[in-house]
């Protein structure tokens, strides 16, 4: 899901370690954002060290905990569906054709975008362009479908 956060410029999994005495903890995610670095722990069955929030803040990072209930199930499903195609690439002709059409029209449906792709596998190319932030869709309102609106990525 962090790949689809507009404010995140990058993220890593368990890349920082915090200490309190002899106790250590590696938070689940480190997210680089424009204005700060966010440290995230995902709460599962285990408990977090009681000192971790203070240790993170002492290093001038922002700290959050997430639980399963904090994650929108529609967004999670859409992100999982798109990430299946993350290793693929849209060919240059398809990318230019789709971006030109979006420039002319403002937005297109996902179905219309798929019809414009000729050199690559259509869903692979469109999903790759979403993950690479050439184009954007609403991940939160409904599951991806033919009528999902697609726009050029705007930052």
N, C-alpha and C. Protein backbone atom coordinates (compact mmCIF):
# COMPACT_ATOMS: atom_id res chain seq x y z
N UNK A 1 0.81 -1.19 0.00
CA UNK A 1 0.00 0.00 0.00
C UNK A 1 0.85 1.26 0.00
N UNK A 2 2.03 1.17 0.55
CA UNK A 2 2.90 2.35 0.60
C UNK A 2 3.35 2.78 -0.79
N UNK A 3 3.38 1.86 -1.75
CA UNK A 3 3.71 2.23 -3.12
C UNK A 3 2.69 3.18 -3.72
N UNK A 4 1.50 3.23 -3.15
CA UNK A 4 0.42 4.04 -3.70
C UNK A 4 0.13 5.29 -2.89
N UNK A 5 0.90 5.54 -1.87
CA UNK A 5 0.73 6.75 -1.07
C UNK A 5 1.40 7.91 -1.79
N UNK A 6 0.62 8.92 -2.14
CA UNK A 6 1.15 10.05 -2.91
C UNK A 6 2.22 10.81 -2.15
N UNK A 7 2.11 10.87 -0.84
CA UNK A 7 3.08 11.65 -0.06
C UNK A 7 4.37 10.87 0.21
N UNK A 8 4.38 9.59 -0.11
CA UNK A 8 5.58 8.78 0.14
C UNK A 8 6.50 8.80 -1.07
N UNK A 9 7.74 9.23 -0.85
CA UNK A 9 8.71 9.21 -1.95
C UNK A 9 9.50 7.91 -1.96
N UNK A 10 9.45 7.17 -0.88
CA UNK A 10 10.12 5.88 -0.80
C UNK A 10 9.84 5.23 0.54
N UNK A 11 10.08 3.92 0.62
CA UNK A 11 9.89 3.23 1.88
C UNK A 11 10.77 1.99 1.93
N UNK A 12 11.01 1.53 3.13
CA UNK A 12 11.82 0.33 3.34
C UNK A 12 11.21 -0.46 4.50
N UNK A 13 11.49 -1.72 4.49
CA UNK A 13 10.96 -2.62 5.51
C UNK A 13 12.05 -2.94 6.53
N UNK A 14 11.75 -2.70 7.78
CA UNK A 14 12.62 -3.02 8.91
C UNK A 14 14.07 -2.54 8.71
N UNK A 15 14.23 -1.33 8.24
CA UNK A 15 15.57 -0.83 7.93
C UNK A 15 16.23 -0.04 9.06
N UNK A 16 15.47 0.32 10.09
CA UNK A 16 16.04 1.04 11.23
C UNK A 16 15.89 0.22 12.50
N UNK A 17 16.86 0.37 13.38
CA UNK A 17 16.79 -0.32 14.66
C UNK A 17 16.88 0.72 15.77
N UNK A 18 16.00 0.58 16.76
CA UNK A 18 16.00 1.48 17.91
C UNK A 18 16.36 0.67 19.15
N UNK A 19 17.03 1.34 20.11
CA UNK A 19 17.50 0.67 21.33
C UNK A 19 17.02 1.42 22.57
N UNK A 20 16.80 0.62 23.59
CA UNK A 20 16.56 1.14 24.93
C UNK A 20 17.26 0.17 25.87
N UNK A 21 18.40 0.60 26.40
CA UNK A 21 19.20 -0.32 27.21
C UNK A 21 19.68 -1.47 26.34
N UNK A 22 19.40 -2.70 26.78
CA UNK A 22 19.79 -3.88 26.00
C UNK A 22 18.69 -4.34 25.04
N UNK A 23 17.54 -3.70 25.11
CA UNK A 23 16.39 -4.07 24.27
C UNK A 23 16.49 -3.36 22.92
N UNK A 24 16.20 -4.08 21.83
CA UNK A 24 16.19 -3.47 20.49
C UNK A 24 14.86 -3.77 19.81
N UNK A 25 14.51 -2.91 18.85
CA UNK A 25 13.28 -3.12 18.09
C UNK A 25 13.47 -2.54 16.69
N UNK A 26 13.03 -3.30 15.69
CA UNK A 26 13.02 -2.84 14.30
C UNK A 26 11.56 -2.62 13.89
N UNK A 27 11.12 -1.38 13.76
CA UNK A 27 9.75 -1.12 13.29
C UNK A 27 9.55 -1.71 11.89
N UNK A 28 8.31 -1.96 11.56
CA UNK A 28 7.99 -2.64 10.31
C UNK A 28 8.34 -1.83 9.07
N UNK A 29 8.05 -0.52 9.07
CA UNK A 29 8.27 0.29 7.87
C UNK A 29 8.87 1.64 8.21
N UNK A 30 9.72 2.12 7.30
CA UNK A 30 10.27 3.48 7.34
C UNK A 30 9.84 4.12 6.02
N UNK A 31 9.06 5.20 6.13
CA UNK A 31 8.49 5.85 4.95
C UNK A 31 9.06 7.25 4.81
N UNK A 32 9.72 7.51 3.69
CA UNK A 32 10.22 8.85 3.42
C UNK A 32 9.11 9.68 2.80
N UNK A 33 8.83 10.82 3.42
CA UNK A 33 7.83 11.74 2.90
C UNK A 33 8.49 13.09 2.68
N UNK A 34 7.79 13.99 1.99
CA UNK A 34 8.35 15.31 1.69
C UNK A 34 8.76 16.06 2.96
N UNK A 35 7.94 15.99 3.99
CA UNK A 35 8.13 16.81 5.17
C UNK A 35 8.69 16.08 6.39
N UNK A 36 8.77 14.74 6.34
CA UNK A 36 9.30 14.00 7.48
C UNK A 36 9.57 12.55 7.10
N UNK A 37 10.01 11.80 8.09
CA UNK A 37 10.17 10.35 7.93
C UNK A 37 9.22 9.70 8.92
N UNK A 38 8.37 8.84 8.39
CA UNK A 38 7.35 8.17 9.19
C UNK A 38 7.80 6.74 9.50
N UNK A 39 7.72 6.37 10.76
CA UNK A 39 8.04 5.02 11.21
C UNK A 39 6.72 4.35 11.56
N UNK A 40 6.49 3.15 11.00
CA UNK A 40 5.22 2.45 11.21
C UNK A 40 5.48 1.07 11.80
N UNK A 41 4.73 0.74 12.83
CA UNK A 41 4.67 -0.61 13.36
C UNK A 41 3.27 -1.15 13.11
N UNK A 42 3.19 -2.35 12.59
CA UNK A 42 1.91 -3.01 12.38
C UNK A 42 1.65 -3.89 13.59
N UNK A 43 0.53 -3.62 14.24
CA UNK A 43 0.20 -4.35 15.46
C UNK A 43 -0.46 -5.68 15.08
N UNK A 44 0.16 -6.75 15.52
CA UNK A 44 -0.42 -8.09 15.31
C UNK A 44 -0.69 -8.68 16.69
N UNK A 45 -0.42 -9.94 16.86
CA UNK A 45 -0.68 -10.58 18.16
C UNK A 45 0.30 -10.15 19.24
N UNK A 46 1.53 -9.90 18.86
CA UNK A 46 2.54 -9.52 19.85
C UNK A 46 2.35 -8.09 20.31
N UNK A 47 3.07 -7.75 21.35
CA UNK A 47 3.01 -6.37 21.83
C UNK A 47 4.29 -5.65 21.45
N UNK A 48 4.19 -4.36 21.35
CA UNK A 48 5.34 -3.53 21.02
C UNK A 48 6.04 -3.12 22.30
N UNK A 49 7.33 -2.86 22.23
CA UNK A 49 8.02 -2.38 23.43
C UNK A 49 7.40 -1.05 23.88
N UNK A 50 7.20 -0.88 25.16
CA UNK A 50 6.54 0.35 25.64
C UNK A 50 7.36 1.61 25.39
N UNK A 51 8.63 1.48 25.14
CA UNK A 51 9.52 2.62 24.95
C UNK A 51 9.65 3.06 23.49
N UNK A 52 9.13 2.29 22.53
CA UNK A 52 9.44 2.54 21.11
C UNK A 52 8.94 3.90 20.61
N UNK A 53 7.74 4.30 20.96
CA UNK A 53 7.22 5.59 20.47
C UNK A 53 8.12 6.75 20.89
N UNK A 54 8.53 6.74 22.15
CA UNK A 54 9.41 7.80 22.64
C UNK A 54 10.78 7.76 21.98
N UNK A 55 11.31 6.56 21.74
CA UNK A 55 12.62 6.42 21.09
C UNK A 55 12.58 6.95 19.66
N UNK A 56 11.50 6.66 18.96
CA UNK A 56 11.35 7.14 17.58
C UNK A 56 11.25 8.66 17.56
N UNK A 57 10.42 9.21 18.41
CA UNK A 57 10.25 10.67 18.46
C UNK A 57 11.54 11.37 18.90
N UNK A 58 12.31 10.73 19.75
CA UNK A 58 13.58 11.31 20.21
C UNK A 58 14.57 11.47 19.04
N UNK A 59 14.39 10.66 18.00
CA UNK A 59 15.24 10.74 16.80
C UNK A 59 14.62 11.68 15.75
N UNK A 60 13.56 12.41 16.13
CA UNK A 60 12.86 13.37 15.25
C UNK A 60 12.13 12.72 14.08
N UNK A 61 11.64 11.51 14.28
CA UNK A 61 10.79 10.85 13.30
C UNK A 61 9.35 10.91 13.77
N UNK A 62 8.42 10.70 12.85
CA UNK A 62 7.01 10.58 13.18
C UNK A 62 6.71 9.10 13.37
N UNK A 63 5.88 8.77 14.35
CA UNK A 63 5.59 7.36 14.65
C UNK A 63 4.09 7.08 14.57
N UNK A 64 3.75 5.96 13.97
CA UNK A 64 2.35 5.49 13.92
C UNK A 64 2.32 3.98 14.11
N UNK A 65 1.22 3.53 14.67
CA UNK A 65 0.95 2.10 14.69
C UNK A 65 -0.27 1.86 13.82
N UNK A 66 -0.25 0.77 13.11
CA UNK A 66 -1.39 0.37 12.28
C UNK A 66 -1.86 -0.99 12.75
N UNK A 67 -3.16 -1.18 12.72
CA UNK A 67 -3.73 -2.50 12.95
C UNK A 67 -4.54 -2.87 11.72
N UNK A 68 -4.95 -4.09 11.66
CA UNK A 68 -5.71 -4.57 10.50
C UNK A 68 -6.94 -3.69 10.22
N UNK A 69 -7.58 -3.22 11.27
CA UNK A 69 -8.77 -2.39 11.12
C UNK A 69 -8.49 -1.00 10.57
N UNK A 70 -7.23 -0.57 10.59
CA UNK A 70 -6.87 0.75 10.08
C UNK A 70 -6.75 0.78 8.57
N UNK A 71 -6.68 -0.38 7.95
CA UNK A 71 -6.45 -0.47 6.52
C UNK A 71 -7.77 -0.73 5.81
N UNK A 72 -8.12 0.17 4.89
CA UNK A 72 -9.35 0.04 4.12
C UNK A 72 -9.28 -1.22 3.26
N UNK A 73 -10.22 -2.16 3.42
CA UNK A 73 -10.15 -3.42 2.66
C UNK A 73 -10.27 -3.23 1.15
N UNK A 74 -10.99 -2.22 0.70
CA UNK A 74 -11.09 -1.97 -0.75
C UNK A 74 -9.74 -1.50 -1.28
N UNK A 75 -9.13 -0.56 -0.58
CA UNK A 75 -7.81 -0.07 -1.00
C UNK A 75 -6.79 -1.21 -0.99
N UNK A 76 -6.80 -2.02 0.05
CA UNK A 76 -5.87 -3.14 0.14
C UNK A 76 -6.04 -4.10 -1.02
N UNK A 77 -7.25 -4.45 -1.37
CA UNK A 77 -7.52 -5.37 -2.49
C UNK A 77 -7.05 -4.75 -3.80
N UNK A 78 -7.35 -3.48 -4.02
CA UNK A 78 -6.92 -2.82 -5.26
C UNK A 78 -5.40 -2.75 -5.36
N UNK A 79 -4.74 -2.45 -4.26
CA UNK A 79 -3.27 -2.40 -4.26
C UNK A 79 -2.68 -3.77 -4.55
N UNK A 80 -3.23 -4.79 -3.92
CA UNK A 80 -2.74 -6.16 -4.17
C UNK A 80 -2.92 -6.54 -5.64
N UNK A 81 -4.08 -6.20 -6.21
CA UNK A 81 -4.34 -6.52 -7.62
C UNK A 81 -3.32 -5.83 -8.53
N UNK A 82 -3.04 -4.58 -8.28
CA UNK A 82 -2.09 -3.83 -9.12
C UNK A 82 -0.66 -4.31 -8.96
N UNK A 83 -0.28 -4.64 -7.74
CA UNK A 83 1.11 -5.03 -7.49
C UNK A 83 1.47 -6.36 -8.12
N UNK A 84 0.49 -7.14 -8.51
CA UNK A 84 0.78 -8.39 -9.24
C UNK A 84 1.50 -8.10 -10.56
N UNK A 85 1.35 -6.88 -11.05
CA UNK A 85 1.93 -6.50 -12.34
C UNK A 85 3.12 -5.56 -12.18
N UNK A 86 3.62 -5.38 -10.97
CA UNK A 86 4.67 -4.39 -10.71
C UNK A 86 5.96 -4.69 -11.47
N UNK A 87 6.26 -5.93 -11.78
CA UNK A 87 7.49 -6.26 -12.47
C UNK A 87 7.41 -6.12 -13.97
N UNK A 88 6.25 -5.78 -14.48
CA UNK A 88 6.08 -5.63 -15.93
C UNK A 88 6.37 -4.19 -16.32
N UNK A 89 6.42 -3.94 -17.62
CA UNK A 89 6.70 -2.58 -18.09
C UNK A 89 5.82 -2.24 -19.28
N UNK A 90 5.35 -1.01 -19.31
CA UNK A 90 4.59 -0.53 -20.46
C UNK A 90 5.57 -0.10 -21.54
N UNK A 91 5.34 -0.53 -22.74
CA UNK A 91 6.22 -0.12 -23.84
C UNK A 91 6.02 1.36 -24.14
N UNK A 92 7.05 1.97 -24.67
CA UNK A 92 7.05 3.40 -24.91
C UNK A 92 5.86 3.86 -25.75
N UNK A 93 5.57 3.15 -26.83
CA UNK A 93 4.45 3.54 -27.69
C UNK A 93 3.13 3.54 -26.94
N UNK A 94 2.92 2.53 -26.11
CA UNK A 94 1.69 2.45 -25.32
C UNK A 94 1.62 3.58 -24.30
N UNK A 95 2.76 3.85 -23.65
CA UNK A 95 2.79 4.91 -22.65
C UNK A 95 2.48 6.26 -23.29
N UNK A 96 3.10 6.55 -24.42
CA UNK A 96 2.86 7.83 -25.10
C UNK A 96 1.41 7.92 -25.59
N UNK A 97 0.91 6.84 -26.17
CA UNK A 97 -0.47 6.82 -26.67
C UNK A 97 -1.47 7.08 -25.54
N UNK A 98 -1.29 6.41 -24.41
CA UNK A 98 -2.22 6.57 -23.30
C UNK A 98 -2.11 7.95 -22.66
N UNK A 99 -0.89 8.43 -22.44
CA UNK A 99 -0.73 9.76 -21.85
C UNK A 99 -1.26 10.86 -22.77
N UNK A 100 -1.09 10.70 -24.08
CA UNK A 100 -1.64 11.67 -25.04
C UNK A 100 -3.16 11.70 -24.98
N UNK A 101 -3.77 10.53 -24.93
CA UNK A 101 -5.24 10.45 -24.86
C UNK A 101 -5.74 11.09 -23.56
N UNK A 102 -5.05 10.84 -22.45
CA UNK A 102 -5.46 11.45 -21.19
C UNK A 102 -5.25 12.95 -21.20
N UNK A 103 -4.20 13.42 -21.88
CA UNK A 103 -3.97 14.86 -22.02
C UNK A 103 -5.14 15.50 -22.79
N UNK A 104 -5.60 14.82 -23.85
CA UNK A 104 -6.70 15.34 -24.66
C UNK A 104 -8.04 15.28 -23.94
N UNK A 105 -8.31 14.16 -23.28
CA UNK A 105 -9.63 13.91 -22.69
C UNK A 105 -9.76 14.31 -21.22
N UNK A 106 -8.65 14.41 -20.51
CA UNK A 106 -8.71 14.69 -19.08
C UNK A 106 -8.76 13.42 -18.25
N UNK A 107 -9.68 12.54 -18.60
CA UNK A 107 -9.76 11.24 -17.95
C UNK A 107 -10.42 10.25 -18.91
N UNK A 108 -10.15 8.99 -18.67
CA UNK A 108 -10.75 7.89 -19.44
C UNK A 108 -11.13 6.81 -18.45
N UNK A 109 -11.98 5.90 -18.89
CA UNK A 109 -12.27 4.75 -18.04
C UNK A 109 -11.14 3.74 -18.19
N UNK A 110 -11.04 2.85 -17.25
CA UNK A 110 -10.03 1.81 -17.32
C UNK A 110 -10.21 0.97 -18.58
N UNK A 111 -11.43 0.70 -18.93
CA UNK A 111 -11.73 -0.05 -20.15
C UNK A 111 -11.22 0.67 -21.39
N UNK A 112 -11.42 1.97 -21.47
CA UNK A 112 -10.92 2.74 -22.62
C UNK A 112 -9.40 2.73 -22.67
N UNK A 113 -8.76 2.82 -21.51
CA UNK A 113 -7.29 2.78 -21.46
C UNK A 113 -6.76 1.45 -21.98
N UNK A 114 -7.39 0.36 -21.57
CA UNK A 114 -6.96 -0.96 -22.01
C UNK A 114 -7.04 -1.09 -23.53
N UNK A 115 -8.04 -0.47 -24.15
CA UNK A 115 -8.22 -0.54 -25.60
C UNK A 115 -7.14 0.23 -26.35
N UNK A 116 -6.48 1.18 -25.69
CA UNK A 116 -5.43 1.98 -26.33
C UNK A 116 -4.08 1.27 -26.37
N UNK A 117 -3.92 0.25 -25.54
CA UNK A 117 -2.64 -0.45 -25.43
C UNK A 117 -2.54 -1.49 -26.54
N UNK A 118 -1.48 -1.38 -27.36
CA UNK A 118 -1.34 -2.27 -28.52
C UNK A 118 -0.06 -3.09 -28.50
N UNK A 119 1.00 -2.59 -27.86
CA UNK A 119 2.30 -3.24 -27.91
C UNK A 119 2.60 -4.11 -26.69
N UNK A 120 1.90 -3.90 -25.61
CA UNK A 120 2.11 -4.61 -24.35
C UNK A 120 0.84 -5.38 -24.01
N UNK A 121 0.90 -6.20 -22.97
CA UNK A 121 -0.33 -6.79 -22.45
C UNK A 121 -1.09 -5.65 -21.77
N UNK A 122 -2.33 -5.39 -22.17
CA UNK A 122 -3.04 -4.19 -21.70
C UNK A 122 -3.08 -4.00 -20.19
N UNK A 123 -3.54 -4.99 -19.43
CA UNK A 123 -3.66 -4.77 -17.98
C UNK A 123 -2.28 -4.61 -17.35
N UNK A 124 -1.29 -5.30 -17.87
CA UNK A 124 0.08 -5.16 -17.35
C UNK A 124 0.60 -3.74 -17.57
N UNK A 125 0.38 -3.22 -18.76
CA UNK A 125 0.87 -1.87 -19.08
C UNK A 125 0.19 -0.81 -18.23
N UNK A 126 -1.13 -0.89 -18.10
CA UNK A 126 -1.86 0.11 -17.33
C UNK A 126 -1.50 0.02 -15.85
N UNK A 127 -1.44 -1.19 -15.31
CA UNK A 127 -1.07 -1.36 -13.90
C UNK A 127 0.34 -0.83 -13.65
N UNK A 128 1.26 -1.12 -14.56
CA UNK A 128 2.62 -0.61 -14.41
C UNK A 128 2.64 0.91 -14.40
N UNK A 129 1.85 1.54 -15.24
CA UNK A 129 1.82 3.00 -15.30
C UNK A 129 1.21 3.60 -14.04
N UNK A 130 0.31 2.86 -13.39
CA UNK A 130 -0.25 3.33 -12.11
C UNK A 130 0.82 3.22 -11.03
N UNK A 131 1.47 2.07 -10.94
CA UNK A 131 2.51 1.86 -9.93
C UNK A 131 3.67 2.84 -10.12
N UNK A 132 4.03 3.11 -11.38
CA UNK A 132 5.14 4.03 -11.68
C UNK A 132 4.72 5.50 -11.61
N UNK A 133 3.47 5.76 -11.32
CA UNK A 133 2.92 7.11 -11.14
C UNK A 133 2.94 7.95 -12.42
N UNK A 134 2.67 7.31 -13.54
CA UNK A 134 2.40 8.06 -14.76
C UNK A 134 0.92 8.44 -14.79
N UNK A 135 0.08 7.52 -14.29
CA UNK A 135 -1.36 7.74 -14.26
C UNK A 135 -1.86 7.40 -12.86
N UNK A 136 -3.08 7.84 -12.54
CA UNK A 136 -3.64 7.57 -11.22
C UNK A 136 -5.10 7.19 -11.31
N UNK A 137 -5.53 6.44 -10.30
CA UNK A 137 -6.92 6.02 -10.18
C UNK A 137 -7.34 6.17 -8.73
N UNK A 138 -8.62 6.09 -8.48
CA UNK A 138 -9.14 6.10 -7.11
C UNK A 138 -9.09 4.67 -6.59
N UNK A 139 -8.27 4.45 -5.58
CA UNK A 139 -8.12 3.11 -5.01
C UNK A 139 -9.09 2.85 -3.87
N UNK A 140 -9.80 3.87 -3.40
CA UNK A 140 -10.56 3.77 -2.17
C UNK A 140 -12.07 3.60 -2.31
N UNK A 141 -12.65 4.06 -3.40
CA UNK A 141 -14.10 4.11 -3.51
C UNK A 141 -14.73 2.76 -3.83
N UNK A 142 -14.15 2.04 -4.78
CA UNK A 142 -14.72 0.76 -5.22
C UNK A 142 -13.60 -0.13 -5.76
N UNK A 143 -13.88 -1.40 -5.89
CA UNK A 143 -12.93 -2.31 -6.51
C UNK A 143 -12.72 -1.90 -7.96
N UNK A 144 -11.50 -2.10 -8.46
CA UNK A 144 -11.20 -1.73 -9.85
C UNK A 144 -12.12 -2.47 -10.81
N UNK A 145 -12.59 -1.73 -11.80
CA UNK A 145 -13.49 -2.31 -12.80
C UNK A 145 -13.44 -1.51 -14.08
N UNK A 146 -14.22 -1.89 -15.07
CA UNK A 146 -14.18 -1.22 -16.38
C UNK A 146 -14.47 0.28 -16.32
N UNK A 147 -15.29 0.70 -15.38
CA UNK A 147 -15.67 2.12 -15.30
C UNK A 147 -14.77 2.95 -14.40
N UNK A 148 -13.75 2.35 -13.81
CA UNK A 148 -12.81 3.10 -12.96
C UNK A 148 -12.19 4.23 -13.76
N UNK A 149 -12.20 5.42 -13.20
CA UNK A 149 -11.67 6.60 -13.88
C UNK A 149 -10.14 6.65 -13.77
N UNK A 150 -9.49 6.95 -14.90
CA UNK A 150 -8.03 7.04 -14.98
C UNK A 150 -7.66 8.46 -15.40
N UNK A 151 -6.67 9.06 -14.72
CA UNK A 151 -6.19 10.40 -15.02
C UNK A 151 -4.66 10.39 -15.06
N UNK A 152 -4.09 11.40 -15.68
CA UNK A 152 -2.65 11.57 -15.58
C UNK A 152 -2.29 11.85 -14.13
N UNK A 153 -1.15 11.36 -13.70
CA UNK A 153 -0.73 11.58 -12.34
C UNK A 153 -0.42 13.06 -12.15
N UNK A 154 -0.94 13.62 -11.09
CA UNK A 154 -0.67 15.03 -10.79
C UNK A 154 -0.07 15.13 -9.40
N UNK A 155 0.97 15.84 -9.32
CA UNK A 155 1.61 15.98 -8.01
C UNK A 155 1.72 17.41 -7.66
